[in-house]
């Protein structure tokens, strides 16, 4: 142990091709293990961001749905239809002598 560190300090540290392959293999193996440990957390963070974006889009769509429902109710109101019938179409209330009652047996 001390011989290797002494060589490293003195600048005479050389590695053989076989030793380089071993160090390279161990480094790649450690990198793969680190990625395997970190990847699930990265995936969770991405899913969390996706969830937040979908939640915001859902809220926006719900608000739009509420506004459209209110607009539909406004357009279907009987008072509005009566005003449009009188002003735009020219309809008028019938007089009592114009109303005919039909009795069915």
PDB file of N, CA and C in Angstrom:
ATOM      1  N   UNK A   1       0.820  -1.188   0.000  1.00  0.00           N
ATOM      2  CA  UNK A   1       0.000   0.000   0.000  1.00  0.00           C
ATOM      3  C   UNK A   1       0.866   1.255   0.000  1.00  0.00           C
ATOM      4  N   UNK A   2       1.852   1.256   0.857  1.00  0.00           N
ATOM      5  CA  UNK A   2       2.709   2.437   0.936  1.00  0.00           C
ATOM      6  C   UNK A   2       3.637   2.541  -0.264  1.00  0.00           C
ATOM      7  N   UNK A   3       3.989   1.385  -0.840  1.00  0.00           N
ATOM      8  CA  UNK A   3       4.855   1.420  -2.015  1.00  0.00           C
ATOM      9  C   UNK A   3       4.138   2.103  -3.177  1.00  0.00           C
ATOM     10  N   UNK A   4       2.853   1.765  -3.368  1.00  0.00           N
ATOM     11  CA  UNK A   4       2.095   2.369  -4.465  1.00  0.00           C
ATOM     12  C   UNK A   4       1.906   3.856  -4.269  1.00  0.00           C
ATOM     13  N   UNK A   5       1.644   4.265  -3.040  1.00  0.00           N
ATOM     14  CA  UNK A   5       1.452   5.693  -2.794  1.00  0.00           C
ATOM     15  C   UNK A   5       2.774   6.437  -2.910  1.00  0.00           C
ATOM     16  N   UNK A   6       3.868   5.788  -2.530  1.00  0.00           N
ATOM     17  CA  UNK A   6       5.180   6.417  -2.664  1.00  0.00           C
ATOM     18  C   UNK A   6       5.506   6.612  -4.145  1.00  0.00           C
ATOM     19  N   UNK A   7       5.193   5.601  -4.978  1.00  0.00           N
ATOM     20  CA  UNK A   7       5.429   5.721  -6.420  1.00  0.00           C
ATOM     21  C   UNK A   7       4.566   6.831  -7.017  1.00  0.00           C
ATOM     22  N   UNK A   8       3.330   6.940  -6.551  1.00  0.00           N
ATOM     23  CA  UNK A   8       2.427   7.973  -7.053  1.00  0.00           C
ATOM     24  C   UNK A   8       2.953   9.358  -6.710  1.00  0.00           C
ATOM     25  N   UNK A   9       3.464   9.514  -5.504  1.00  0.00           N
ATOM     26  CA  UNK A   9       4.000  10.799  -5.074  1.00  0.00           C
ATOM     27  C   UNK A   9       5.273  11.133  -5.847  1.00  0.00           C
ATOM     28  N   UNK A  10       6.100  10.145  -6.072  1.00  0.00           N
ATOM     29  CA  UNK A  10       7.361  10.377  -6.778  1.00  0.00           C
ATOM     30  C   UNK A  10       7.144  10.569  -8.276  1.00  0.00           C
ATOM     31  N   UNK A  11       5.962  10.256  -8.779  1.00  0.00           N
ATOM     32  CA  UNK A  11       5.685  10.434 -10.201  1.00  0.00           C
ATOM     33  C   UNK A  11       6.087   9.237 -11.034  1.00  0.00           C
ATOM     34  N   UNK A  12       6.450   8.174 -10.431  1.00  0.00           N
ATOM     35  CA  UNK A  12       6.869   7.000 -11.188  1.00  0.00           C
ATOM     36  C   UNK A  12       5.789   5.948 -11.257  1.00  0.00           C
ATOM     37  N   UNK A  13       4.544   6.331 -11.062  1.00  0.00           N
ATOM     38  CA  UNK A  13       3.439   5.360 -11.058  1.00  0.00           C
ATOM     39  C   UNK A  13       3.017   5.061 -12.489  1.00  0.00           C
ATOM     40  N   UNK A  14       3.159   3.816 -12.881  1.00  0.00           N
ATOM     41  CA  UNK A  14       2.733   3.363 -14.202  1.00  0.00           C
ATOM     42  C   UNK A  14       1.794   2.197 -14.024  1.00  0.00           C
ATOM     43  N   UNK A  15       0.795   2.110 -14.901  1.00  0.00           N
ATOM     44  CA  UNK A  15      -0.179   1.025 -14.811  1.00  0.00           C
ATOM     45  C   UNK A  15      -0.061   0.172 -16.066  1.00  0.00           C
ATOM     46  N   UNK A  16      -0.188  -1.106 -15.870  1.00  0.00           N
ATOM     47  CA  UNK A  16      -0.107  -2.034 -17.000  1.00  0.00           C
ATOM     48  C   UNK A  16      -1.423  -2.021 -17.751  1.00  0.00           C
ATOM     49  N   UNK A  17      -1.434  -2.461 -18.998  1.00  0.00           N
ATOM     50  CA  UNK A  17      -2.695  -2.525 -19.744  1.00  0.00           C
ATOM     51  C   UNK A  17      -3.743  -3.392 -19.050  1.00  0.00           C
ATOM     52  N   UNK A  18      -3.308  -4.488 -18.444  1.00  0.00           N
ATOM     53  CA  UNK A  18      -4.253  -5.351 -17.729  1.00  0.00           C
ATOM     54  C   UNK A  18      -4.822  -4.618 -16.512  1.00  0.00           C
ATOM     55  N   UNK A  19      -3.985  -3.920 -15.798  1.00  0.00           N
ATOM     56  CA  UNK A  19      -4.437  -3.152 -14.640  1.00  0.00           C
ATOM     57  C   UNK A  19      -5.376  -2.024 -15.050  1.00  0.00           C
ATOM     58  N   UNK A  20      -5.075  -1.401 -16.202  1.00  0.00           N
ATOM     59  CA  UNK A  20      -5.948  -0.348 -16.708  1.00  0.00           C
ATOM     60  C   UNK A  20      -7.329  -0.908 -17.025  1.00  0.00           C
ATOM     61  N   UNK A  21      -7.365  -2.096 -17.639  1.00  0.00           N
ATOM     62  CA  UNK A  21      -8.658  -2.715 -17.949  1.00  0.00           C
ATOM     63  C   UNK A  21      -9.445  -3.004 -16.683  1.00  0.00           C
ATOM     64  N   UNK A  22      -8.769  -3.469 -15.650  1.00  0.00           N
ATOM     65  CA  UNK A  22      -9.446  -3.773 -14.386  1.00  0.00           C
ATOM     66  C   UNK A  22     -10.003  -2.489 -13.770  1.00  0.00           C
ATOM     67  N   UNK A  23      -9.200  -1.440 -13.739  1.00  0.00           N
ATOM     68  CA  UNK A  23      -9.654  -0.168 -13.172  1.00  0.00           C
ATOM     69  C   UNK A  23     -10.815   0.392 -13.999  1.00  0.00           C
ATOM     70  N   UNK A  24     -10.700   0.303 -15.327  1.00  0.00           N
ATOM     71  CA  UNK A  24     -11.767   0.784 -16.204  1.00  0.00           C
ATOM     72  C   UNK A  24     -13.053  -0.010 -15.980  1.00  0.00           C
ATOM     73  N   UNK A  25     -12.946  -1.330 -15.891  1.00  0.00           N
ATOM     74  CA  UNK A  25     -14.117  -2.182 -15.661  1.00  0.00           C
ATOM     75  C   UNK A  25     -14.775  -1.855 -14.327  1.00  0.00           C
ATOM     76  N   UNK A  26     -13.979  -1.685 -13.289  1.00  0.00           N
ATOM     77  CA  UNK A  26     -14.529  -1.361 -11.969  1.00  0.00           C
ATOM     78  C   UNK A  26     -15.193   0.020 -12.000  1.00  0.00           C
ATOM     79  N   UNK A  27     -14.580   0.975 -12.699  1.00  0.00           N
ATOM     80  CA  UNK A  27     -15.176   2.316 -12.806  1.00  0.00           C
ATOM     81  C   UNK A  27     -16.521   2.270 -13.521  1.00  0.00           C
ATOM     82  N   UNK A  28     -16.582   1.524 -14.635  1.00  0.00           N
ATOM     83  CA  UNK A  28     -17.841   1.399 -15.372  1.00  0.00           C
ATOM     84  C   UNK A  28     -18.883   0.705 -14.515  1.00  0.00           C
ATOM     85  N   UNK A  29     -18.483  -0.324 -13.793  1.00  0.00           N
ATOM     86  CA  UNK A  29     -19.404  -1.043 -12.915  1.00  0.00           C
ATOM     87  C   UNK A  29     -19.944  -0.119 -11.820  1.00  0.00           C
ATOM     88  N   UNK A  30     -19.081   0.694 -11.240  1.00  0.00           N
ATOM     89  CA  UNK A  30     -19.532   1.627 -10.200  1.00  0.00           C
ATOM     90  C   UNK A  30     -20.473   2.681 -10.789  1.00  0.00           C
ATOM     91  N   UNK A  31     -20.189   3.120 -12.007  1.00  0.00           N
ATOM     92  CA  UNK A  31     -21.062   4.081 -12.673  1.00  0.00           C
ATOM     93  C   UNK A  31     -22.445   3.477 -12.908  1.00  0.00           C
ATOM     94  N   UNK A  32     -22.487   2.233 -13.351  1.00  0.00           N
ATOM     95  CA  UNK A  32     -23.773   1.568 -13.581  1.00  0.00           C
ATOM     96  C   UNK A  32     -24.549   1.381 -12.278  1.00  0.00           C
ATOM     97  N   UNK A  33     -23.862   1.037 -11.217  1.00  0.00           N
ATOM     98  CA  UNK A  33     -24.522   0.880  -9.915  1.00  0.00           C
ATOM     99  C   UNK A  33     -25.067   2.231  -9.442  1.00  0.00           C
ATOM    100  N   UNK A  34     -24.277   3.288  -9.616  1.00  0.00           N
ATOM    101  CA  UNK A  34     -24.748   4.621  -9.217  1.00  0.00           C
ATOM    102  C   UNK A  34     -25.975   5.028 -10.028  1.00  0.00           C
ATOM    103  N   UNK A  35     -25.962   4.760 -11.337  1.00  0.00           N
ATOM    104  CA  UNK A  35     -27.130   5.069 -12.165  1.00  0.00           C
ATOM    105  C   UNK A  35     -28.345   4.252 -11.741  1.00  0.00           C
ATOM    106  N   UNK A  36     -28.122   2.990 -11.404  1.00  0.00           N
ATOM    107  CA  UNK A  36     -29.240   2.148 -10.967  1.00  0.00           C
ATOM    108  C   UNK A  36     -29.845   2.668  -9.669  1.00  0.00           C
ATOM    109  N   UNK A  37     -29.022   3.250  -8.816  1.00  0.00           N
ATOM    110  CA  UNK A  37     -29.537   3.783  -7.552  1.00  0.00           C
ATOM    111  C   UNK A  37     -30.227   5.133  -7.738  1.00  0.00           C
ATOM    112  N   UNK A  38     -29.759   5.942  -8.665  1.00  0.00           N
ATOM    113  CA  UNK A  38     -30.284   7.289  -8.846  1.00  0.00           C
ATOM    114  C   UNK A  38     -31.487   7.310  -9.785  1.00  0.00           C
ATOM    115  N   UNK A  39     -31.537   6.403 -10.758  1.00  0.00           N
ATOM    116  CA  UNK A  39     -32.574   6.447 -11.794  1.00  0.00           C
ATOM    117  C   UNK A  39     -34.006   6.437 -11.248  1.00  0.00           C
ATOM    118  N   UNK A  40     -34.353   5.613 -10.255  1.00  0.00           N
ATOM    119  CA  UNK A  40     -35.740   5.662  -9.746  1.00  0.00           C
ATOM    120  C   UNK A  40     -36.126   7.037  -9.194  1.00  0.00           C
ATOM    121  N   UNK A  41     -35.193   7.715  -8.550  1.00  0.00           N
ATOM    122  CA  UNK A  41     -35.502   9.053  -8.031  1.00  0.00           C
ATOM    123  C   UNK A  41     -35.699  10.053  -9.160  1.00  0.00           C
ATOM    124  N   UNK A  42     -34.901   9.947 -10.209  1.00  0.00           N
ATOM    125  CA  UNK A  42     -35.068  10.832 -11.367  1.00  0.00           C
ATOM    126  C   UNK A  42     -36.435  10.593 -11.986  1.00  0.00           C
ATOM    127  N   UNK A  43     -36.815   9.342 -12.086  1.00  0.00           N
ATOM    128  CA  UNK A  43     -38.120   8.981 -12.660  1.00  0.00           C
ATOM    129  C   UNK A  43     -39.257   9.548 -11.798  1.00  0.00           C
ATOM    130  N   UNK A  44     -39.116   9.462 -10.480  1.00  0.00           N
ATOM    131  CA  UNK A  44     -40.146   9.998  -9.581  1.00  0.00           C
ATOM    132  C   UNK A  44     -40.292  11.507  -9.747  1.00  0.00           C
ATOM    133  N   UNK A  45     -39.180  12.201  -9.881  1.00  0.00           N
ATOM    134  CA  UNK A  45     -39.232  13.655 -10.056  1.00  0.00           C
ATOM    135  C   UNK A  45     -39.932  13.999 -11.361  1.00  0.00           C
ATOM    136  N   UNK A  46     -39.602  13.285 -12.436  1.00  0.00           N
ATOM    137  CA  UNK A  46     -40.248  13.546 -13.727  1.00  0.00           C
ATOM    138  C   UNK A  46     -41.747  13.276 -13.637  1.00  0.00           C
ATOM    139  N   UNK A  47     -42.126  12.176 -13.006  1.00  0.00           N
ATOM    140  CA  UNK A  47     -43.549  11.870 -12.848  1.00  0.00           C
ATOM    141  C   UNK A  47     -44.252  12.922 -11.996  1.00  0.00           C
ATOM    142  N   UNK A  48     -43.553  13.440 -11.003  1.00  0.00           N
ATOM    143  CA  UNK A  48     -44.138  14.483 -10.158  1.00  0.00           C
ATOM    144  C   UNK A  48     -44.398  15.755 -10.963  1.00  0.00           C
ATOM    145  N   UNK A  49     -43.448  16.143 -11.805  1.00  0.00           N
ATOM    146  CA  UNK A  49     -43.653  17.318 -12.663  1.00  0.00           C
ATOM    147  C   UNK A  49     -44.804  17.089 -13.632  1.00  0.00           C
ATOM    148  N   UNK A  50     -44.862  15.897 -14.223  1.00  0.00           N
ATOM    149  CA  UNK A  50     -45.962  15.582 -15.140  1.00  0.00           C
ATOM    150  C   UNK A  50     -47.302  15.641 -14.413  1.00  0.00           C
ATOM    151  N   UNK A  51     -47.339  15.122 -13.193  1.00  0.00           N
ATOM    152  CA  UNK A  51     -48.570  15.134 -12.405  1.00  0.00           C
ATOM    153  C   UNK A  51     -49.022  16.568 -12.121  1.00  0.00           C
ATOM    154  N   UNK A  52     -48.080  17.427 -11.744  1.00  0.00           N
ATOM    155  CA  UNK A  52     -48.422  18.818 -11.454  1.00  0.00           C
ATOM    156  C   UNK A  52     -48.963  19.523 -12.699  1.00  0.00           C
ATOM    157  N   UNK A  53     -48.350  19.250 -13.854  1.00  0.00           N
ATOM    158  CA  UNK A  53     -48.821  19.874 -15.096  1.00  0.00           C
ATOM    159  C   UNK A  53     -50.221  19.389 -15.439  1.00  0.00           C
ATOM    160  N   UNK A  54     -50.471  18.090 -15.283  1.00  0.00           N
ATOM    161  CA  UNK A  54     -51.803  17.549 -15.566  1.00  0.00           C
ATOM    162  C   UNK A  54     -52.840  18.074 -14.576  1.00  0.00           C
ATOM    163  N   UNK A  55     -52.436  18.250 -13.338  1.00  0.00           N
ATOM    164  CA  UNK A  55     -53.350  18.783 -12.328  1.00  0.00           C
ATOM    165  C   UNK A  55     -53.740  20.223 -12.667  1.00  0.00           C
ATOM    166  N   UNK A  56     -52.771  21.024 -13.094  1.00  0.00           N
ATOM    167  CA  UNK A  56     -53.065  22.411 -13.482  1.00  0.00           C
ATOM    168  C   UNK A  56     -53.968  22.440 -14.712  1.00  0.00           C
ATOM    169  N   UNK A  57     -53.701  21.556 -15.672  1.00  0.00           N
ATOM    170  CA  UNK A  57     -54.548  21.499 -16.875  1.00  0.00           C
ATOM    171  C   UNK A  57     -55.965  21.071 -16.515  1.00  0.00           C
ATOM    172  N   UNK A  58     -56.090  20.144 -15.573  1.00  0.00           N
ATOM    173  CA  UNK A  58     -57.417  19.688 -15.134  1.00  0.00           C
ATOM    174  C   UNK A  58     -58.196  20.839 -14.508  1.00  0.00           C
ATOM    175  N   UNK A  59     -57.539  21.603 -13.646  1.00  0.00           N
ATOM    176  CA  UNK A  59     -58.201  22.746 -13.015  1.00  0.00           C
ATOM    177  C   UNK A  59     -58.649  23.768 -14.064  1.00  0.00           C
ATOM    178  N   UNK A  60     -57.795  24.000 -15.044  1.00  0.00           N
ATOM    179  CA  UNK A  60     -58.146  24.940 -16.111  1.00  0.00           C
ATOM    180  C   UNK A  60     -59.360  24.441 -16.892  1.00  0.00           C
ATOM    181  N   UNK A  61     -59.380  23.151 -17.190  1.00  0.00           N
ATOM    182  CA  UNK A  61     -60.515  22.584 -17.923  1.00  0.00           C
ATOM    183  C   UNK A  61     -61.794  22.608 -17.089  1.00  0.00           C
ATOM    184  N   UNK A  62     -61.675  22.372 -15.785  1.00  0.00           N
ATOM    185  CA  UNK A  62     -62.855  22.442 -14.919  1.00  0.00           C
ATOM    186  C   UNK A  62     -63.413  23.864 -14.867  1.00  0.00           C
ATOM    187  N   UNK A  63     -62.527  24.853 -14.798  1.00  0.00           N
ATOM    188  CA  UNK A  63     -62.991  26.249 -14.817  1.00  0.00           C
ATOM    189  C   UNK A  63     -63.680  26.571 -16.133  1.00  0.00           C
ATOM    190  N   UNK A  64     -63.092  26.122 -17.230  1.00  0.00           N
ATOM    191  CA  UNK A  64     -63.714  26.356 -18.535  1.00  0.00           C
ATOM    192  C   UNK A  64     -65.073  25.664 -18.617  1.00  0.00           C
ATOM    193  N   UNK A  65     -65.162  24.462 -18.051  1.00  0.00           N
ATOM    194  CA  UNK A  65     -66.431  23.731 -18.047  1.00  0.00           C
ATOM    195  C   UNK A  65     -67.490  24.486 -17.242  1.00  0.00           C
ATOM    196  N   UNK A  66     -67.096  25.043 -16.097  1.00  0.00           N
ATOM    197  CA  UNK A  66     -68.045  25.825 -15.293  1.00  0.00           C
ATOM    198  C   UNK A  66     -68.542  27.049 -16.062  1.00  0.00           C
ATOM    199  N   UNK A  67     -67.619  27.727 -16.733  1.00  0.00           N
ATOM    200  CA  UNK A  67     -68.013  28.907 -17.510  1.00  0.00           C
ATOM    201  C   UNK A  67     -68.937  28.533 -18.665  1.00  0.00           C
ATOM    202  N   UNK A  68     -68.644  27.429 -19.336  1.00  0.00           N
ATOM    203  CA  UNK A  68     -69.499  26.997 -20.440  1.00  0.00           C
ATOM    204  C   UNK A  68     -70.873  26.564 -19.943  1.00  0.00           C
ATOM    205  N   UNK A  69     -70.929  25.924 -18.787  1.00  0.00           N
ATOM    206  CA  UNK A  69     -72.228  25.539 -18.216  1.00  0.00           C
ATOM    207  C   UNK A  69     -73.044  26.777 -17.866  1.00  0.00           C
ATOM    208  N   UNK A  70     -72.384  27.771 -17.297  1.00  0.00           N
ATOM    209  CA  UNK A  70     -73.075  29.021 -16.971  1.00  0.00           C
ATOM    210  C   UNK A  70     -73.580  29.701 -18.241  1.00  0.00           C
ATOM    211  N   UNK A  71     -72.755  29.709 -19.286  1.00  0.00           N
ATOM    212  CA  UNK A  71     -73.174  30.314 -20.549  1.00  0.00           C
ATOM    213  C   UNK A  71     -74.359  29.556 -21.149  1.00  0.00           C
ATOM    214  N   UNK A  72     -74.327  28.233 -21.069  1.00  0.00           N
ATOM    215  CA  UNK A  72     -75.443  27.433 -21.586  1.00  0.00           C
ATOM    216  C   UNK A  72     -76.729  27.742 -20.831  1.00  0.00           C
ATOM    217  N   UNK A  73     -76.639  27.816 -19.511  1.00  0.00           N
ATOM    218  CA  UNK A  73     -77.817  28.135 -18.704  1.00  0.00           C
ATOM    219  C   UNK A  73     -78.352  29.528 -19.034  1.00  0.00           C
ATOM    220  N   UNK A  74     -77.441  30.466 -19.249  1.00  0.00           N
ATOM    221  CA  UNK A  74     -77.863  31.825 -19.605  1.00  0.00           C
ATOM    222  C   UNK A  74     -78.567  31.833 -20.953  1.00  0.00           C
ATOM    223  N   UNK A  75     -77.999  31.126 -21.924  1.00  0.00           N
ATOM    224  CA  UNK A  75     -78.604  31.098 -23.260  1.00  0.00           C
ATOM    225  C   UNK A  75     -79.943  30.372 -23.272  1.00  0.00           C
ATOM    226  N   UNK A  76     -80.136  29.427 -22.354  1.00  0.00           N
ATOM    227  CA  UNK A  76     -81.381  28.660 -22.319  1.00  0.00           C
ATOM    228  C   UNK A  76     -82.441  29.276 -21.410  1.00  0.00           C
ATOM    229  N   UNK A  77     -82.141  30.404 -20.778  1.00  0.00           N
ATOM    230  CA  UNK A  77     -83.121  30.977 -19.851  1.00  0.00           C
ATOM    231  C   UNK A  77     -84.373  31.410 -20.614  1.00  0.00           C
ATOM    232  N   UNK A  78     -85.518  31.143 -20.014  1.00  0.00           N
ATOM    233  CA  UNK A  78     -86.793  31.447 -20.660  1.00  0.00           C
ATOM    234  C   UNK A  78     -86.990  32.945 -20.849  1.00  0.00           C
ATOM    235  N   UNK A  79     -86.524  33.748 -19.912  1.00  0.00           N
ATOM    236  CA  UNK A  79     -86.653  35.196 -20.043  1.00  0.00           C
ATOM    237  C   UNK A  79     -85.896  35.684 -21.282  1.00  0.00           C
ATOM    238  N   UNK A  80     -84.676  35.199 -21.477  1.00  0.00           N
ATOM    239  CA  UNK A  80     -83.878  35.601 -22.639  1.00  0.00           C
ATOM    240  C   UNK A  80     -84.562  35.175 -23.934  1.00  0.00           C
ATOM    241  N   UNK A  81     -85.087  33.957 -23.959  1.00  0.00           N
ATOM    242  CA  UNK A  81     -85.768  33.474 -25.164  1.00  0.00           C
ATOM    243  C   UNK A  81     -86.994  34.336 -25.463  1.00  0.00           C
ATOM    244  N   UNK A  82     -87.715  34.720 -24.417  1.00  0.00           N
ATOM    245  CA  UNK A  82     -88.896  35.570 -24.608  1.00  0.00           C
ATOM    246  C   UNK A  82     -88.503  36.944 -25.157  1.00  0.00           C
ATOM    247  N   UNK A  83     -87.452  37.536 -24.629  1.00  0.00           N
ATOM    248  CA  UNK A  83     -86.987  38.839 -25.108  1.00  0.00           C
ATOM    249  C   UNK A  83     -86.534  38.738 -26.558  1.00  0.00           C
ATOM    250  N   UNK A  84     -85.802  37.680 -26.908  1.00  0.00           N
ATOM    251  CA  UNK A  84     -85.362  37.505 -28.296  1.00  0.00           C
ATOM    252  C   UNK A  84     -86.550  37.302 -29.235  1.00  0.00           C
ATOM    253  N   UNK A  85     -87.542  36.545 -28.783  1.00  0.00           N
ATOM    254  CA  UNK A  85     -88.719  36.303 -29.622  1.00  0.00           C
ATOM    255  C   UNK A  85     -89.464  37.608 -29.894  1.00  0.00           C
ATOM    256  N   UNK A  86     -89.574  38.457 -28.893  1.00  0.00           N
ATOM    257  CA  UNK A  86     -90.287  39.729 -29.082  1.00  0.00           C
ATOM    258  C   UNK A  86     -89.473  40.710 -29.918  1.00  0.00           C
ATOM    259  N   UNK A  87     -88.195  40.865 -29.620  1.00  0.00           N
ATOM    260  CA  UNK A  87     -87.387  41.908 -30.253  1.00  0.00           C
ATOM    261  C   UNK A  87     -86.854  41.516 -31.629  1.00  0.00           C
ATOM    262  N   UNK A  88     -86.352  40.304 -31.768  1.00  0.00           N
ATOM    263  CA  UNK A  88     -85.712  39.931 -33.028  1.00  0.00           C
ATOM    264  C   UNK A  88     -86.672  39.278 -34.017  1.00  0.00           C
ATOM    265  N   UNK A  89     -87.554  38.431 -33.525  1.00  0.00           N
ATOM    266  CA  UNK A  89     -88.460  37.703 -34.420  1.00  0.00           C
ATOM    267  C   UNK A  89     -89.774  38.452 -34.601  1.00  0.00           C
ATOM    268  N   UNK A  90     -90.124  39.280 -33.637  1.00  0.00           N
ATOM    269  CA  UNK A  90     -91.363  40.047 -33.735  1.00  0.00           C
ATOM    270  C   UNK A  90     -92.576  39.297 -33.211  1.00  0.00           C
ATOM    271  N   UNK A  91     -92.390  38.305 -32.396  1.00  0.00           N
ATOM    272  CA  UNK A  91     -93.526  37.570 -31.823  1.00  0.00           C
ATOM    273  C   UNK A  91     -94.177  38.416 -30.736  1.00  0.00           C
ATOM    274  N   UNK A  92     -95.483  38.239 -30.569  1.00  0.00           N
ATOM    275  CA  UNK A  92     -96.218  38.961 -29.527  1.00  0.00           C
ATOM    276  C   UNK A  92     -97.064  37.966 -28.754  1.00  0.00           C
ATOM    277  N   UNK A  93     -97.481  38.381 -27.567  1.00  0.00           N
ATOM    278  CA  UNK A  93     -98.363  37.543 -26.751  1.00  0.00           C
ATOM    279  C   UNK A  93     -99.728  37.459 -27.444  1.00  0.00           C
ATOM    280  N   UNK A  94    -100.355  36.287 -27.499  1.00  0.00           N
ATOM    281  CA  UNK A  94    -101.678  36.191 -28.137  1.00  0.00           C
ATOM    282  C   UNK A  94    -102.746  36.833 -27.255  1.00  0.00           C
ATOM    283  N   UNK A  95    -103.759  37.393 -27.900  1.00  0.00           N
ATOM    284  CA  UNK A  95    -104.891  37.962 -27.156  1.00  0.00           C
ATOM    285  C   UNK A  95    -105.795  36.814 -26.744  1.00  0.00           C
ATOM    286  N   UNK A  96    -106.637  37.053 -25.755  1.00  0.00           N
ATOM    287  CA  UNK A  96    -107.493  35.974 -25.248  1.00  0.00           C
ATOM    288  C   UNK A  96    -108.442  35.438 -26.311  1.00  0.00           C
ATOM    289  N   UNK A  97    -108.910  36.274 -27.227  1.00  0.00           N
ATOM    290  CA  UNK A  97    -109.816  35.781 -28.271  1.00  0.00           C
ATOM    291  C   UNK A  97    -109.080  34.958 -29.329  1.00  0.00           C
ATOM    292  N   UNK A  98    -107.734  35.042 -29.336  1.00  0.00           N
ATOM    293  CA  UNK A  98    -106.963  34.254 -30.292  1.00  0.00           C
ATOM    294  C   UNK A  98    -106.632  32.863 -29.760  1.00  0.00           C
ATOM    295  N   UNK A  99    -106.863  32.626 -28.495  1.00  0.00           N
ATOM    296  CA  UNK A  99    -106.529  31.344 -27.877  1.00  0.00           C
ATOM    297  C   UNK A  99    -107.710  30.402 -28.018  1.00  0.00           C
ATOM    298  N   UNK A 100    -107.464  29.238 -28.551  1.00  0.00           N
ATOM    299  CA  UNK A 100    -108.503  28.216 -28.707  1.00  0.00           C
ATOM    300  C   UNK A 100    -108.120  27.020 -27.853  1.00  0.00           C
ATOM    301  N   UNK A 101    -109.056  26.567 -27.047  1.00  0.00           N
ATOM    302  CA  UNK A 101    -108.818  25.405 -26.206  1.00  0.00           C
ATOM    303  C   UNK A 101    -109.421  24.187 -26.875  1.00  0.00           C
ATOM    304  N   UNK A 102    -108.658  23.134 -26.968  1.00  0.00           N
ATOM    305  CA  UNK A 102    -109.124  21.892 -27.588  1.00  0.00           C
ATOM    306  C   UNK A 102    -109.162  20.828 -26.502  1.00  0.00           C
ATOM    307  N   UNK A 103    -110.307  20.183 -26.348  1.00  0.00           N
ATOM    308  CA  UNK A 103    -110.460  19.112 -25.373  1.00  0.00           C
ATOM    309  C   UNK A 103    -110.385  17.775 -26.093  1.00  0.00           C
ATOM    310  N   UNK A 104    -109.588  16.901 -25.607  1.00  0.00           N
ATOM    311  CA  UNK A 104    -109.456  15.569 -26.194  1.00  0.00           C
ATOM    312  C   UNK A 104    -110.154  14.559 -25.300  1.00  0.00           C
ATOM    313  N   UNK A 105    -110.824  13.588 -25.934  1.00  0.00           N
ATOM    314  CA  UNK A 105    -111.502  12.546 -25.154  1.00  0.00           C
ATOM    315  C   UNK A 105    -110.569  11.454 -24.781  1.00  0.00           C
TER     316      UNK A 105
END
